[in-house]
Amino acid sequence: MNNIKSTFTIKDLENISGIKAHTIRIWEKRYNLLSPERTDTNIRYYSSENLQKLLNVVLLNKNNIKISKIAEMSDDTIILKARELAFKMAVNDEALNSFKLAMFQFDKTLFNNAYNRLLKRKTFREIFKDVFVPLLNHIGLLWQTDTLLPAHEHFISNLITQKIQINTEKLEYSNNKSEVSYVLFLPENEIHELGLMYLNYELMLRGYDTIYLGQSLPLNNLEHFFKSKSKICFVTFMTVQPYDDKVEEYFLEIEEILKGTNHEFLAIGIKAMLVEEVKFKENIKVYSSIKAFLDQFE
């Protein structure tokens, strides 16, 4: 399985590291920092070791160590200096690099080691906000530039999911009761579940009752909750569904269902923001991000 992505083009290196291909070539020619190989047709490609070295070089350079000085270091020294720097001040950058490498190499041990190092410095909430969110945003960019395969995204998403589930399970037996219950679900054919899972954790942490229903749920499956006499806040994420031309229709259907109840419908994500300017008669609100949603509780 490690062979799925063991070689990289210079464009891949640019997308993953954030350093322009032109700059990478200069570092390569002037300082001999990387040693690409060539295909039979004379096209350069880079190994996983090249990628790891580049990420460490970038980490050191971003923290005011000149490229000329880095070039004088051995490979082992670059790794050591990068780790030392991570423990002192750049823990987020080092962790992001480790998670990227873990993703491309399908290395769960590397992922867990990096995560455990973070836990010595940060809470789980800080890790999610400071490291996992930037990582997931970067993965989205890598998708757009065709740098990674679905297998990579699924692998890293499942590892992050495990961490959310472990931390959520710790809250399961707190027996907190609240006047309002939150029912969390994704629209039909929507499968991007990480944000919703983390939001469930945050709501439970605040002492709210939650009912987590997960991905791809048709509205008629919620009929039991719509009929409830107790107040319910329905929470959903809209990343790819409904389609743009169906979003307002979806909300209007929700509005009709909510009529005569005291329930609320709260939607988060880029699709939800398509109806930001629509004035709904019922309790419907949209938020651009998890942070924007959680700000209401502060």
Protein backbone atom coordinates (compact mmCIF):
# COMPACT_ATOMS: atom_id res chain seq x y z
CA MET A 1 0.00 0.00 0.00
CA ASN A 2 2.95 2.35 0.65
CA ASN A 3 3.59 2.26 -3.10
CA ILE A 4 0.43 4.22 -3.94
CA LYS A 5 2.28 7.51 -3.52
CA SER A 6 6.01 6.97 -3.07
CA THR A 7 7.22 9.38 -5.75
CA PHE A 8 6.40 13.04 -6.31
CA THR A 9 6.74 15.59 -9.06
CA ILE A 10 8.18 19.02 -8.34
CA LYS A 11 4.64 20.36 -8.64
CA ASP A 12 3.58 17.94 -5.90
CA LEU A 13 6.40 19.26 -3.70
CA GLU A 14 5.22 22.82 -4.35
CA ASN A 15 1.62 21.98 -3.43
CA ILE A 16 2.54 20.09 -0.27
CA SER A 17 5.28 22.38 1.07
CA GLY A 18 3.97 25.76 -0.09
CA ILE A 19 7.36 26.57 -1.67
CA LYS A 20 7.33 27.55 -5.34
CA ALA A 21 8.81 25.06 -7.78
CA HIS A 22 11.21 27.76 -9.00
CA THR A 23 12.58 28.19 -5.47
CA ILE A 24 12.88 24.43 -4.98
CA ARG A 25 14.94 24.20 -8.19
CA ILE A 26 17.24 26.99 -6.96
CA TRP A 27 17.74 25.21 -3.62
CA GLU A 28 18.41 22.01 -5.52
CA LYS A 29 20.97 23.46 -7.96
CA ARG A 30 22.70 26.01 -5.72
CA TYR A 31 22.75 24.09 -2.44
CA ASN A 32 22.24 20.47 -3.52
CA LEU A 33 19.47 20.14 -0.92
CA LEU A 34 17.49 17.55 -2.89
CA SER A 35 18.53 14.72 -5.16
CA PRO A 36 15.77 13.88 -7.64
CA GLU A 37 15.90 10.84 -9.86
CA ARG A 38 14.81 10.66 -13.49
CA THR A 39 12.48 8.44 -15.43
CA ASP A 40 13.47 6.73 -18.68
CA THR A 41 12.04 9.75 -20.47
CA ASN A 42 14.24 12.11 -18.39
CA ILE A 43 11.43 13.49 -16.19
CA ARG A 44 12.55 14.33 -12.66
CA TYR A 45 10.77 12.80 -9.69
CA TYR A 46 11.31 12.92 -5.94
CA SER A 47 11.17 10.25 -3.23
CA SER A 48 9.34 10.32 0.11
CA GLU A 49 12.71 11.02 1.71
CA ASN A 50 13.09 14.10 -0.51
CA LEU A 51 9.65 15.28 0.57
CA GLN A 52 10.41 14.78 4.26
CA LYS A 53 13.71 16.65 3.92
CA LEU A 54 12.05 19.54 2.09
CA LEU A 55 9.37 19.89 4.78
CA ASN A 56 12.05 19.99 7.48
CA VAL A 57 14.10 22.51 5.49
CA VAL A 58 11.03 24.73 5.11
CA LEU A 59 10.33 24.50 8.85
CA LEU A 60 13.87 25.63 9.69
CA ASN A 61 13.88 28.35 7.05
CA LYS A 62 10.53 29.76 8.24
CA ASN A 63 12.13 30.13 11.65
CA ASN A 64 14.98 32.36 10.46
CA ILE A 65 17.65 29.79 9.65
CA LYS A 66 19.24 30.70 6.31
CA ILE A 67 19.17 28.22 3.46
CA SER A 68 22.96 28.46 3.15
CA LYS A 69 23.29 27.34 6.79
CA ILE A 70 20.76 24.53 6.36
CA ALA A 71 22.66 23.31 3.30
CA GLU A 72 25.76 22.81 5.44
CA MET A 73 23.89 20.43 7.76
CA SER A 74 23.75 16.67 7.30
CA ASP A 75 20.36 15.03 6.74
CA ASP A 76 20.36 13.73 10.32
CA THR A 77 21.17 17.18 11.69
CA ILE A 78 18.31 18.75 9.70
CA ILE A 79 15.89 16.22 11.22
CA LEU A 80 17.29 16.82 14.72
CA LYS A 81 17.16 20.62 14.40
CA ALA A 82 13.60 20.47 13.06
CA ARG A 83 12.52 18.35 16.05
CA GLU A 84 14.27 20.65 18.52
CA LEU A 85 12.61 23.66 16.96
CA ALA A 86 9.23 21.96 17.05
CA PHE A 87 9.47 21.38 20.79
CA LYS A 88 10.54 24.98 21.39
CA MET A 89 8.21 27.04 19.22
CA ALA A 90 6.97 25.49 15.99
CA VAL A 91 5.09 22.47 17.29
CA ASN A 92 2.12 23.08 14.98
CA ASP A 93 4.26 23.22 11.83
CA GLU A 94 6.20 20.11 12.78
CA ALA A 95 3.00 18.23 13.52
CA LEU A 96 1.47 19.31 10.21
CA ASN A 97 4.55 18.03 8.40
CA SER A 98 4.36 14.71 10.25
CA PHE A 99 0.64 14.31 9.49
CA LYS A 100 1.23 15.06 5.79
CA LEU A 101 3.98 12.46 5.61
CA ALA A 102 1.85 9.97 7.51
CA MET A 103 -0.94 10.52 4.99
CA PHE A 104 1.23 9.97 1.92
CA GLN A 105 3.03 6.98 3.43
CA PHE A 106 -0.09 5.45 5.06
CA ASP A 107 1.84 5.41 8.32
CA LYS A 108 -0.49 5.36 11.33
CA THR A 109 2.45 4.98 13.73
CA LEU A 110 3.90 8.29 12.53
CA PHE A 111 0.46 9.90 12.87
CA ASN A 112 -0.06 8.61 16.42
CA ASN A 113 3.45 9.54 17.54
CA ALA A 114 2.96 13.10 16.26
CA TYR A 115 -0.46 13.29 17.91
CA ASN A 116 0.89 12.05 21.25
CA ARG A 117 3.68 14.64 21.13
CA LEU A 118 1.05 17.32 20.60
CA LEU A 119 -0.96 16.08 23.58
CA LYS A 120 1.97 16.93 25.84
CA ARG A 121 1.58 20.58 24.84
CA LYS A 122 -2.07 21.01 23.88
CA THR A 123 -5.59 19.90 24.71
CA PHE A 124 -7.55 17.89 22.16
CA ARG A 125 -9.63 20.99 21.34
CA GLU A 126 -6.46 22.99 20.66
CA ILE A 127 -5.08 20.21 18.48
CA PHE A 128 -8.25 20.12 16.42
CA LYS A 129 -8.42 23.91 16.01
CA ASP A 130 -4.71 24.63 15.56
CA VAL A 131 -3.57 21.57 13.61
CA PHE A 132 -6.36 19.36 12.27
CA VAL A 133 -8.40 22.22 10.77
CA PRO A 134 -5.40 23.66 8.86
CA LEU A 135 -4.48 20.12 7.79
CA LEU A 136 -7.98 19.43 6.45
CA ASN A 137 -8.02 22.80 4.67
CA HIS A 138 -4.68 21.94 3.07
CA ILE A 139 -5.99 18.54 2.02
CA GLY A 140 -8.79 20.35 0.23
CA LEU A 141 -6.20 22.32 -1.75
CA LEU A 142 -4.27 19.14 -2.54
CA TRP A 143 -7.51 17.67 -3.88
CA GLN A 144 -7.92 20.63 -6.23
CA THR A 145 -4.38 20.27 -7.56
CA ASP A 146 -4.67 16.49 -8.04
CA THR A 147 -1.75 15.86 -5.65
CA LEU A 148 -3.35 13.10 -3.59
CA LEU A 149 -5.65 10.15 -4.13
CA PRO A 150 -8.97 9.40 -2.36
CA ALA A 151 -7.10 6.71 -0.41
CA HIS A 152 -4.89 9.36 1.21
CA GLU A 153 -7.84 11.53 2.25
CA HIS A 154 -9.77 8.53 3.59
CA PHE A 155 -6.75 7.32 5.57
CA ILE A 156 -6.06 10.60 7.37
CA SER A 157 -9.77 11.36 7.87
CA ASN A 158 -10.32 7.99 9.53
CA LEU A 159 -7.39 8.58 11.91
CA ILE A 160 -8.77 12.00 12.90
CA THR A 161 -12.23 10.44 13.26
CA GLN A 162 -10.79 7.94 15.75
CA LYS A 163 -9.41 10.77 17.88
CA ILE A 164 -12.76 12.58 17.89
CA GLN A 165 -14.56 9.37 18.84
CA ILE A 166 -12.12 8.61 21.68
CA ASN A 167 -12.56 12.08 23.15
CA THR A 168 -16.34 12.02 22.66
CA GLU A 169 -16.59 8.68 24.42
CA LYS A 170 -15.01 10.23 27.52
CA LEU A 171 -18.04 12.55 27.72
CA GLU A 172 -20.70 9.89 27.11
CA TYR A 173 -21.38 9.15 30.78
CA SER A 174 -21.50 12.68 32.16
CA ASN A 175 -25.34 12.51 32.38
CA ASN A 176 -25.74 16.19 31.62
CA LYS A 177 -29.31 17.18 30.84
CA SER A 178 -30.31 20.31 28.98
CA GLU A 179 -33.60 21.95 28.10
CA VAL A 180 -32.85 21.66 24.40
CA SER A 181 -31.60 18.63 22.49
CA TYR A 182 -29.37 18.86 19.43
CA VAL A 183 -30.03 16.44 16.58
CA LEU A 184 -27.01 16.28 14.28
CA PHE A 185 -27.21 14.88 10.76
CA LEU A 186 -25.97 15.39 7.21
CA PRO A 187 -28.29 15.91 4.21
CA GLU A 188 -28.96 13.06 1.84
CA ASN A 189 -25.84 12.10 -0.15
CA GLU A 190 -23.60 14.27 2.04
CA ILE A 191 -20.79 12.13 3.50
CA HIS A 192 -18.25 14.69 4.81
CA GLU A 193 -18.77 13.92 8.47
CA LEU A 194 -15.68 15.12 10.37
CA GLY A 195 -16.97 18.61 11.11
CA LEU A 196 -20.30 17.29 12.36
CA MET A 197 -18.57 14.74 14.59
CA TYR A 198 -16.39 17.41 16.14
CA LEU A 199 -19.38 19.69 16.67
CA ASN A 200 -21.12 16.84 18.51
CA TYR A 201 -18.08 16.66 20.80
CA GLU A 202 -18.16 20.44 21.45
CA LEU A 203 -21.88 20.41 22.26
CA MET A 204 -21.51 17.48 24.64
CA LEU A 205 -18.57 19.21 26.28
CA ARG A 206 -20.89 22.14 27.00
CA GLY A 207 -23.40 19.84 28.69
CA TYR A 208 -26.01 19.62 25.92
CA ASP A 209 -27.95 16.48 25.04
CA THR A 210 -27.07 15.38 21.51
CA ILE A 211 -28.52 12.77 19.19
CA TYR A 212 -26.00 11.96 16.49
CA LEU A 213 -27.53 10.52 13.31
CA GLY A 214 -24.57 10.82 10.94
CA GLN A 215 -24.34 11.09 7.19
CA SER A 216 -26.76 11.04 4.25
CA LEU A 217 -30.11 11.33 6.01
CA PRO A 218 -33.33 12.10 4.07
CA LEU A 219 -35.56 14.65 5.82
CA ASN A 220 -38.41 12.17 6.20
CA ASN A 221 -36.17 10.15 8.53
CA LEU A 222 -36.41 13.04 11.00
CA GLU A 223 -40.19 12.92 11.29
CA HIS A 224 -40.08 11.55 14.85
CA PHE A 225 -38.04 14.54 16.00
CA PHE A 226 -40.10 17.10 14.09
CA LYS A 227 -43.16 15.96 16.06
CA SER A 228 -41.41 16.28 19.43
CA LYS A 229 -42.99 18.63 21.98
CA SER A 230 -39.60 19.38 23.51
CA LYS A 231 -37.40 21.95 21.77
CA ILE A 232 -34.92 20.49 19.32
CA CYS A 233 -32.12 22.20 17.41
CA PHE A 234 -31.38 20.41 14.17
CA VAL A 235 -27.74 20.87 13.13
CA THR A 236 -26.31 19.98 9.75
CA PHE A 237 -23.20 20.52 7.63
CA MET A 238 -23.51 21.31 3.93
CA THR A 239 -20.26 20.75 2.06
CA VAL A 240 -21.33 19.29 -1.31
CA GLN A 241 -25.06 18.67 -0.86
CA PRO A 242 -27.64 19.81 -1.75
CA TYR A 243 -26.58 21.00 -5.20
CA ASP A 244 -26.43 24.77 -5.59
CA ASP A 245 -29.70 25.04 -7.47
CA LYS A 246 -31.49 22.94 -4.81
CA VAL A 247 -30.19 24.61 -1.64
CA GLU A 248 -32.93 27.25 -1.24
CA GLU A 249 -35.59 24.66 -2.03
CA TYR A 250 -34.15 22.46 0.75
CA PHE A 251 -34.37 25.31 3.26
CA LEU A 252 -37.91 26.19 2.22
CA GLU A 253 -38.90 22.59 2.85
CA ILE A 254 -37.34 22.83 6.30
CA GLU A 255 -39.18 26.10 6.93
CA GLU A 256 -42.50 24.46 6.13
CA ILE A 257 -41.74 21.56 8.48
CA LEU A 258 -40.79 23.90 11.34
CA LYS A 259 -44.00 25.93 11.05
CA GLY A 260 -45.95 25.82 14.31
CA THR A 261 -43.08 24.31 16.33
CA ASN A 262 -40.42 25.85 18.57
CA HIS A 263 -37.62 23.88 16.90
CA GLU A 264 -34.56 25.47 15.28
CA PHE A 265 -32.60 24.50 12.18
CA LEU A 266 -28.90 25.44 12.14
CA ALA A 267 -26.79 24.85 9.02
CA ILE A 268 -23.04 25.23 8.63
CA GLY A 269 -20.81 25.29 5.56
CA ILE A 270 -20.30 26.76 2.12
CA LYS A 271 -23.63 25.48 0.78
CA ALA A 272 -25.52 26.92 3.75
CA MET A 273 -24.05 30.36 3.05
CA LEU A 274 -25.80 30.39 -0.34
CA VAL A 275 -29.00 31.37 1.49
CA GLU A 276 -27.33 33.84 3.84
CA GLU A 277 -29.42 36.71 2.47
CA VAL A 278 -32.75 34.85 2.48
CA LYS A 279 -35.17 36.01 5.20
CA PHE A 280 -36.84 32.90 6.60
CA LYS A 281 -40.00 33.13 8.71
CA GLU A 282 -39.05 30.25 11.00
CA ASN A 283 -36.03 29.62 13.27
CA ILE A 284 -33.40 29.00 10.60
CA LYS A 285 -29.80 30.21 10.90
CA VAL A 286 -26.70 29.65 8.80
CA TYR A 287 -23.04 29.76 9.80
CA SER A 288 -19.90 29.82 7.70
CA SER A 289 -17.78 27.63 10.01
CA ILE A 290 -17.65 25.64 13.24
CA LYS A 291 -16.01 28.62 14.93
CA ALA A 292 -18.81 30.95 13.83
CA PHE A 293 -21.34 28.46 15.20
CA LEU A 294 -19.57 28.00 18.53
CA ASP A 295 -19.09 31.74 19.03
CA GLN A 296 -22.76 31.98 20.00
CA PHE A 297 -22.03 29.99 23.15
CA GLU A 298 -19.20 32.24 24.33
